[in-house]
């Protein structure tokens, strides 16, 4: 779905002023579950809201325009979006999965694998030998997270697309951490873009949702049909709220990533911090690649504390502005401990293999004042240093 408008304009204005009934500036919310036929066999575009709904359709159209896709399917959660892409696979199909992906994604793929719905190969996508061995299995789908959750690893999307196409596979990119404001995977060769719209697209921590944007119209049709068959489409109200969030996506991301960069630089200098994972730091191994394929470095970062779980316990108990909670991408700043929260479903061996240590903390940087957020972390880490003295 191509457009000549700037993405900032699309986010702020797509569908605005389009109401023909009363001239409402903001698009109406259509809560109706069903719609009348125009006489016998006179099916209109919308007949039943599980299948299609005006509010959900406008959000899908907006997301497709922002991602440069042929269309989008809006579903009930980010995990439903991942699973919707997996619905294209057959039991003998192989999918390459990042070994350090979001814990919920790993759990889903592992369970689908265990039930013989597909064959999943978990691989370090930065390990050339491991990746070559995985591609030798002739996968039907390659799933990528870039940046990855929670270690912010960057994957070369164009190179991965070429590699996938060489073996007849399709490429799906979970771009939740950046949103279309900062990354458009279809422009780099992706067949599908996955979002947990719960996160930056909605941006207010009050809606759970997901979306898949496809590069080809025929894939949009197939995904939409399956979403209708299994009934995972988003509610109209959730779609309406998400579109409201999209209106402010670009200014939110601009402010949040600026603050995240300052926080990353502060943490990188702190003696209590062993490592900082943020692609915006020149020391990050994916810095140059992120600069080349992204429009910014995002507002997610993680860092490792010296002192393990004991240090983590003290820091999360000492912060006053950061809230200890899962999820991300809202206007409020959150701190999470992946080992016991977002990635708790992984075994200790799997977390070790992925590089997720017990001293790792993940930050979702919100819209609070930069000085206040840095001050909050400073006092929490200061308490850590005093406790160790």
Protein backbone atom coordinates (compact mmCIF):
# COMPACT_ATOMS: atom_id res chain seq x y z
CA UNK A 1 0.00 0.00 0.00
CA UNK A 2 2.08 2.88 -1.29
CA UNK A 3 1.55 6.55 -0.52
CA UNK A 4 3.37 9.79 -1.23
CA UNK A 5 2.63 11.24 2.20
CA UNK A 6 5.31 11.38 4.86
CA UNK A 7 4.86 8.68 7.53
CA UNK A 8 4.40 11.34 10.21
CA UNK A 9 1.45 12.69 8.21
CA UNK A 10 -0.04 9.23 7.73
CA UNK A 11 0.14 8.47 11.45
CA UNK A 12 -1.45 11.77 12.43
CA UNK A 13 -4.09 12.11 9.75
CA UNK A 14 -5.06 8.87 8.00
CA UNK A 15 -8.86 8.68 8.24
CA UNK A 16 -9.19 12.10 9.86
CA UNK A 17 -12.11 14.12 8.51
CA UNK A 18 -13.48 11.17 6.51
CA UNK A 19 -16.84 10.81 8.27
CA UNK A 20 -19.60 11.38 5.71
CA UNK A 21 -22.53 11.06 8.15
CA UNK A 22 -21.88 14.00 10.47
CA UNK A 23 -18.50 15.40 9.48
CA UNK A 24 -16.74 14.17 12.60
CA UNK A 25 -13.03 15.02 12.49
CA UNK A 26 -12.02 11.93 14.50
CA UNK A 27 -13.13 8.68 12.83
CA UNK A 28 -16.17 7.18 14.60
CA UNK A 29 -15.91 4.03 16.69
CA UNK A 30 -18.10 1.26 15.24
CA UNK A 31 -19.00 -1.06 18.10
CA UNK A 32 -21.73 -2.88 16.20
CA UNK A 33 -21.19 -6.63 15.97
CA UNK A 34 -23.34 -6.96 12.85
CA UNK A 35 -24.32 -4.91 9.81
CA UNK A 36 -27.42 -4.96 7.63
CA UNK A 37 -27.51 -6.41 4.14
CA UNK A 38 -28.68 -4.19 1.30
CA UNK A 39 -31.59 -6.50 0.59
CA UNK A 40 -31.52 -10.22 -0.24
CA UNK A 41 -27.96 -11.34 -1.15
CA UNK A 42 -26.92 -7.70 -0.86
CA UNK A 43 -23.85 -8.20 1.30
CA UNK A 44 -22.04 -4.95 2.02
CA UNK A 45 -18.30 -4.74 2.78
CA UNK A 46 -19.01 -5.19 6.49
CA UNK A 47 -21.40 -7.87 7.66
CA UNK A 48 -19.99 -9.22 10.95
CA UNK A 49 -17.30 -7.66 13.11
CA UNK A 50 -15.25 -10.79 13.67
CA UNK A 51 -14.67 -10.84 9.92
CA UNK A 52 -14.29 -7.13 9.29
CA UNK A 53 -15.12 -3.89 11.07
CA UNK A 54 -14.69 -0.23 10.01
CA UNK A 55 -12.65 0.73 13.08
CA UNK A 56 -10.30 -2.23 12.74
CA UNK A 57 -10.06 -1.76 8.97
CA UNK A 58 -8.90 1.85 9.38
CA UNK A 59 -6.16 0.82 11.81
CA UNK A 60 -5.06 -1.94 9.43
CA UNK A 61 -4.97 0.50 6.52
CA UNK A 62 -2.91 2.97 8.54
CA UNK A 63 -0.38 0.34 9.64
CA UNK A 64 -0.03 -0.98 6.09
CA UNK A 65 0.70 2.53 4.83
CA UNK A 66 3.25 3.13 7.59
CA UNK A 67 5.05 -0.15 6.84
CA UNK A 68 4.79 0.07 3.06
CA UNK A 69 2.85 -3.18 2.90
CA UNK A 70 -0.04 -4.43 0.76
CA UNK A 71 -2.30 -4.68 3.80
CA UNK A 72 -2.51 -5.65 7.44
CA UNK A 73 -4.46 -7.95 9.73
CA UNK A 74 -5.14 -6.66 13.26
CA UNK A 75 -5.50 -9.32 15.94
CA UNK A 76 -6.05 -9.67 19.66
CA UNK A 77 -2.42 -9.79 20.88
CA UNK A 78 1.17 -9.79 19.78
CA UNK A 79 1.35 -13.55 20.33
CA UNK A 80 -1.73 -13.97 18.14
CA UNK A 81 0.15 -12.02 15.45
CA UNK A 82 3.15 -14.36 15.65
CA UNK A 83 0.86 -17.38 15.57
CA UNK A 84 -1.03 -15.97 12.58
CA UNK A 85 2.17 -16.02 10.53
CA UNK A 86 2.84 -19.57 11.72
CA UNK A 87 -0.60 -20.56 10.40
CA UNK A 88 0.88 -20.38 6.89
CA UNK A 89 3.11 -23.37 7.68
CA UNK A 90 2.42 -27.09 7.30
CA UNK A 91 3.46 -29.84 9.73
CA UNK A 92 6.56 -30.74 7.71
CA UNK A 93 7.68 -27.11 7.34
CA UNK A 94 10.74 -25.81 9.16
CA UNK A 95 11.05 -22.36 10.72
CA UNK A 96 14.31 -20.78 11.85
CA UNK A 97 13.81 -18.95 15.17
CA UNK A 98 16.26 -16.69 17.03
CA UNK A 99 17.53 -18.45 20.15
CA UNK A 100 17.30 -15.19 22.11
CA UNK A 101 13.77 -14.18 21.10
CA UNK A 102 11.01 -13.02 23.45
CA UNK A 103 10.16 -15.76 25.94
CA UNK A 104 6.53 -15.95 24.84
CA UNK A 105 7.55 -16.41 21.21
CA UNK A 106 9.98 -19.16 22.15
CA UNK A 107 7.31 -20.90 24.23
CA UNK A 108 4.83 -20.74 21.34
CA UNK A 109 7.30 -22.17 18.81
CA UNK A 110 8.42 -24.86 21.23
CA UNK A 111 4.82 -25.93 21.88
CA UNK A 112 3.93 -25.91 18.18
CA UNK A 113 7.05 -28.01 17.55
CA UNK A 114 6.15 -30.45 20.32
CA UNK A 115 2.68 -30.92 18.81
CA UNK A 116 4.18 -31.55 15.35
CA UNK A 117 2.49 -28.47 13.91
CA UNK A 118 5.86 -27.38 12.51
CA UNK A 119 9.57 -27.95 13.01
CA UNK A 120 11.37 -25.17 14.87
CA UNK A 121 15.13 -24.67 14.82
CA UNK A 122 16.37 -22.25 17.48
CA UNK A 123 19.65 -20.71 16.36
CA UNK A 124 22.01 -17.88 17.20
CA UNK A 125 21.42 -15.73 14.13
CA UNK A 126 24.76 -14.05 14.69
CA UNK A 127 26.62 -17.38 14.43
CA UNK A 128 27.43 -17.95 10.76
CA UNK A 129 28.10 -21.67 11.12
CA UNK A 130 24.91 -22.30 13.07
CA UNK A 131 22.91 -20.21 10.63
CA UNK A 132 24.36 -22.04 7.61
CA UNK A 133 23.44 -25.38 9.17
CA UNK A 134 19.90 -24.16 9.81
CA UNK A 135 19.45 -22.91 6.24
CA UNK A 136 20.68 -26.26 4.97
CA UNK A 137 17.43 -27.67 6.40
CA UNK A 138 15.49 -25.73 3.72
CA UNK A 139 13.22 -23.67 6.00
CA UNK A 140 9.85 -22.39 4.85
CA UNK A 141 9.99 -19.41 7.21
CA UNK A 142 12.69 -17.37 8.92
CA UNK A 143 11.63 -15.41 12.00
CA UNK A 144 13.76 -12.46 13.08
CA UNK A 145 13.63 -10.08 16.03
CA UNK A 146 15.63 -6.93 15.43
CA UNK A 147 16.44 -5.48 17.88
CA UNK A 148 16.10 -8.67 19.91
CA UNK A 149 14.37 -8.90 23.26
CA UNK A 150 16.08 -8.33 25.69
CA UNK A 151 19.69 -8.15 24.45
CA UNK A 152 19.11 -5.68 21.60
CA UNK A 153 20.98 -7.75 19.02
CA UNK A 154 20.68 -6.49 15.43
CA UNK A 155 20.11 -8.70 12.39
CA UNK A 156 20.96 -7.60 8.85
CA UNK A 157 17.44 -7.71 7.38
CA UNK A 158 18.44 -7.34 3.73
CA UNK A 159 21.05 -10.08 4.00
CA UNK A 160 18.62 -12.37 5.81
CA UNK A 161 15.99 -11.71 3.15
CA UNK A 162 18.39 -12.67 0.37
CA UNK A 163 19.37 -15.80 2.22
CA UNK A 164 15.74 -16.78 2.84
CA UNK A 165 14.75 -16.23 -0.77
CA UNK A 166 17.68 -18.34 -1.96
CA UNK A 167 16.11 -21.40 -0.29
CA UNK A 168 12.49 -20.48 -1.04
CA UNK A 169 11.71 -19.29 2.48
CA UNK A 170 9.78 -16.24 3.59
CA UNK A 171 11.04 -13.72 6.12
CA UNK A 172 8.99 -12.44 9.06
CA UNK A 173 10.41 -9.63 11.21
CA UNK A 174 9.14 -8.80 14.67
CA UNK A 175 9.73 -5.03 14.67
CA UNK A 176 7.87 -4.29 17.91
CA UNK A 177 10.85 -2.64 19.62
CA UNK A 178 11.16 0.06 16.95
CA UNK A 179 7.71 0.47 15.38
CA UNK A 180 7.36 1.78 11.80
CA UNK A 181 8.56 5.15 13.04
CA UNK A 182 12.11 3.77 13.18
CA UNK A 183 12.19 0.67 10.97
CA UNK A 184 10.33 -0.61 7.90
CA UNK A 185 11.40 -4.23 7.32
CA UNK A 186 9.46 -4.65 4.06
CA UNK A 187 11.78 -2.09 2.47
CA UNK A 188 14.65 -4.46 3.36
CA UNK A 189 12.98 -7.52 1.84
CA UNK A 190 10.75 -8.85 4.61
CA UNK A 191 7.56 -10.66 3.60
CA UNK A 192 5.83 -10.02 6.92
CA UNK A 193 6.18 -7.47 9.72
CA UNK A 194 4.89 -8.46 13.15
CA UNK A 195 3.93 -6.01 15.88
CA UNK A 196 2.63 -6.29 19.36
CA UNK A 197 0.46 -3.18 19.03
CA UNK A 198 0.23 -3.29 22.82
CA UNK A 199 3.60 -1.59 22.83
CA UNK A 200 4.70 1.55 20.95
CA UNK A 201 1.87 1.65 18.42
CA UNK A 202 -0.73 2.06 21.16
CA UNK A 203 1.75 3.61 23.56
CA UNK A 204 -0.47 4.01 26.63
CA UNK A 205 -0.44 0.56 28.28
CA UNK A 206 -4.21 0.22 28.08
CA UNK A 207 -4.74 -2.06 25.06
CA UNK A 208 -3.51 -5.56 24.23
CA UNK A 209 -3.26 -6.22 20.50
CA UNK A 210 -1.16 -7.33 17.58
CA UNK A 211 -0.83 -6.92 13.83
CA UNK A 212 0.76 -8.57 10.82
CA UNK A 213 1.59 -6.45 7.78
CA UNK A 214 2.24 -8.39 4.58
CA UNK A 215 4.17 -7.32 1.51
CA UNK A 216 1.87 -9.20 -0.89
CA UNK A 217 -1.89 -8.87 -1.26
CA UNK A 218 -2.43 -12.63 -1.55
CA UNK A 219 -0.81 -13.13 1.84
CA UNK A 220 -3.04 -10.46 3.37
CA UNK A 221 -6.10 -12.32 2.06
CA UNK A 222 -4.90 -15.66 3.44
CA UNK A 223 -3.96 -14.23 6.83
CA UNK A 224 -7.27 -12.37 7.14
CA UNK A 225 -9.22 -15.51 6.26
CA UNK A 226 -7.44 -17.56 8.92
CA UNK A 227 -7.83 -14.82 11.55
CA UNK A 228 -11.57 -14.89 10.85
CA UNK A 229 -11.73 -18.70 10.94
CA UNK A 230 -10.09 -18.98 14.36
CA UNK A 231 -11.58 -15.74 15.68
CA UNK A 232 -8.45 -13.89 16.82
CA UNK A 233 -9.30 -10.51 15.30
CA UNK A 234 -9.09 -7.45 17.52
CA UNK A 235 -12.14 -5.86 19.08
CA UNK A 236 -13.30 -2.59 17.46
CA UNK A 237 -12.73 -0.67 20.69
CA UNK A 238 -9.14 -1.89 21.02
CA UNK A 239 -8.49 -0.99 17.37
CA UNK A 240 -9.95 2.47 17.91
CA UNK A 241 -7.75 3.09 20.97
CA UNK A 242 -4.68 1.80 19.15
CA UNK A 243 -5.26 4.16 16.25
CA UNK A 244 -5.54 6.98 18.77
CA UNK A 245 -2.11 5.96 20.02
CA UNK A 246 -0.64 5.83 16.51
CA UNK A 247 -1.51 9.53 16.10
CA UNK A 248 1.32 10.46 18.47
CA UNK A 249 3.74 7.64 17.60
CA UNK A 250 6.42 9.76 15.96
CA UNK A 251 6.80 12.49 18.59
CA UNK A 252 6.67 9.88 21.35
CA UNK A 253 9.41 7.80 19.76
CA UNK A 254 11.58 10.84 19.10
CA UNK A 255 11.44 11.94 22.73
CA UNK A 256 11.72 8.47 24.24
CA UNK A 257 14.72 7.40 22.20
CA UNK A 258 16.56 10.64 22.96
CA UNK A 259 16.15 9.95 26.67
CA UNK A 260 17.10 6.29 26.21
CA UNK A 261 20.36 7.33 24.57
CA UNK A 262 21.21 9.57 27.51
CA UNK A 263 20.37 6.80 30.00
CA UNK A 264 22.49 4.28 28.08
CA UNK A 265 25.46 6.66 28.14
CA UNK A 266 25.00 7.21 31.90
CA UNK A 267 24.82 3.48 32.62
CA UNK A 268 27.86 2.75 30.45
CA UNK A 269 29.92 5.01 32.74
CA UNK A 270 28.61 3.63 36.03
CA UNK A 271 30.95 1.34 38.00
CA UNK A 272 28.07 -0.87 39.21
CA UNK A 273 27.13 -1.74 35.62
CA UNK A 274 29.05 -4.52 33.86
CA UNK A 275 27.56 -4.03 30.39
CA UNK A 276 24.94 -1.98 28.54
CA UNK A 277 23.03 -3.31 25.54
CA UNK A 278 21.85 -0.40 23.41
CA UNK A 279 22.49 -0.14 19.64
CA UNK A 280 22.87 3.62 19.91
CA UNK A 281 26.17 3.22 21.75
CA UNK A 282 29.16 3.15 19.36
CA UNK A 283 30.51 0.23 21.41
CA UNK A 284 27.47 -1.93 20.56
CA UNK A 285 28.45 -4.63 18.00
CA UNK A 286 25.36 -3.84 15.92
CA UNK A 287 25.74 -0.07 16.01
CA UNK A 288 26.78 0.44 12.38
CA UNK A 289 24.14 -1.96 11.06
CA UNK A 290 21.42 -0.36 13.18
CA UNK A 291 22.43 3.07 11.89
CA UNK A 292 22.19 1.79 8.32
CA UNK A 293 18.81 0.00 8.45
CA UNK A 294 16.99 1.94 11.16
CA UNK A 295 15.87 5.56 11.45
CA UNK A 296 16.82 5.63 15.12
CA UNK A 297 17.98 3.41 17.95
CA UNK A 298 14.74 3.14 19.90
CA UNK A 299 13.85 3.50 23.55
CA UNK A 300 14.58 -0.03 24.77
CA UNK A 301 17.82 -1.04 26.44
CA UNK A 302 19.15 -3.58 28.87
CA UNK A 303 22.09 -3.62 31.24
CA UNK A 304 23.90 -6.11 33.42
CA UNK A 305 24.62 -5.42 37.05
CA UNK A 306 27.67 -6.57 38.92
CA UNK A 307 26.41 -8.69 41.80
CA UNK A 308 23.76 -10.88 40.18
CA UNK A 309 20.30 -11.41 41.67
CA UNK A 310 21.17 -9.70 44.93
CA UNK A 311 22.04 -6.51 43.11
CA UNK A 312 18.91 -6.78 40.97
CA UNK A 313 16.73 -7.13 44.06
CA UNK A 314 18.20 -3.99 45.60
CA UNK A 315 17.93 -1.89 42.43
CA UNK A 316 14.33 -2.79 41.57
CA UNK A 317 13.40 -2.14 45.18
CA UNK A 318 15.10 1.26 45.16
CA UNK A 319 13.79 2.86 41.96
CA UNK A 320 10.94 5.31 42.45
CA UNK A 321 9.98 6.39 38.92
CA UNK A 322 10.63 3.20 37.00
CA UNK A 323 7.89 0.68 37.70
CA UNK A 324 8.73 -3.02 38.01
CA UNK A 325 6.46 -4.50 35.35
CA UNK A 326 6.43 -6.45 32.12
CA UNK A 327 5.49 -5.00 28.72
CA UNK A 328 7.03 -1.91 27.17
CA UNK A 329 6.49 1.02 24.85
CA UNK A 330 4.13 3.06 27.03
CA UNK A 331 4.48 6.67 28.10
CA UNK A 332 5.64 5.46 31.52
CA UNK A 333 9.09 4.00 32.20
CA UNK A 334 9.32 0.35 33.21
CA UNK A 335 12.06 -1.89 34.54
CA UNK A 336 11.95 -5.67 34.16
CA UNK A 337 14.08 -8.65 35.15
CA UNK A 338 13.95 -10.99 32.12
CA UNK A 339 15.08 -14.09 34.01
CA UNK A 340 12.11 -14.02 36.38
CA UNK A 341 9.63 -12.11 34.24
CA UNK A 342 9.54 -11.90 30.43
CA UNK A 343 11.79 -14.93 29.81
CA UNK A 344 10.88 -17.05 32.84
CA UNK A 345 9.41 -19.77 30.59
CA UNK A 346 12.87 -20.54 29.22
CA UNK A 347 14.97 -23.13 31.01
CA UNK A 348 18.14 -21.92 32.76
CA UNK A 349 20.15 -23.68 30.04
CA UNK A 350 18.23 -21.86 27.28
CA UNK A 351 18.74 -18.51 28.98
CA UNK A 352 22.43 -19.24 29.41
CA UNK A 353 22.74 -20.15 25.74
CA UNK A 354 20.96 -16.92 24.77
CA UNK A 355 23.16 -14.81 27.05
CA UNK A 356 20.36 -13.78 29.41
CA UNK A 357 22.00 -13.63 32.81
CA UNK A 358 20.51 -13.25 36.27
CA UNK A 359 21.98 -9.77 36.62
CA UNK A 360 20.27 -8.45 33.46
CA UNK A 361 17.66 -5.70 33.71
CA UNK A 362 15.59 -4.33 30.82
CA UNK A 363 14.35 -0.75 30.60
CA UNK A 364 11.46 0.67 28.62
CA UNK A 365 12.08 4.41 28.63
CA UNK A 366 8.99 6.60 28.78
CA UNK A 367 8.19 10.30 28.54
CA UNK A 368 9.28 11.43 31.97
CA UNK A 369 12.01 14.08 32.21
CA UNK A 370 15.43 12.74 31.28
CA UNK A 371 17.03 14.20 34.41
CA UNK A 372 14.45 12.56 36.66
CA UNK A 373 14.93 9.12 35.10
CA UNK A 374 18.72 9.30 35.29
CA UNK A 375 18.45 10.59 38.84
CA UNK A 376 16.22 7.66 39.76
CA UNK A 377 18.69 5.13 38.41
CA UNK A 378 21.61 7.00 39.95
CA UNK A 379 20.15 6.86 43.45
CA UNK A 380 19.22 3.18 43.05
CA UNK A 381 22.72 2.28 41.84
CA UNK A 382 24.29 4.45 44.53
CA UNK A 383 22.45 2.37 47.09
CA UNK A 384 23.88 -0.72 45.43
CA UNK A 385 27.40 0.60 45.70
CA UNK A 386 26.93 1.49 49.36
CA UNK A 387 25.53 -1.96 50.08
CA UNK A 388 28.59 -3.55 48.50
CA UNK A 389 31.03 -1.30 50.38
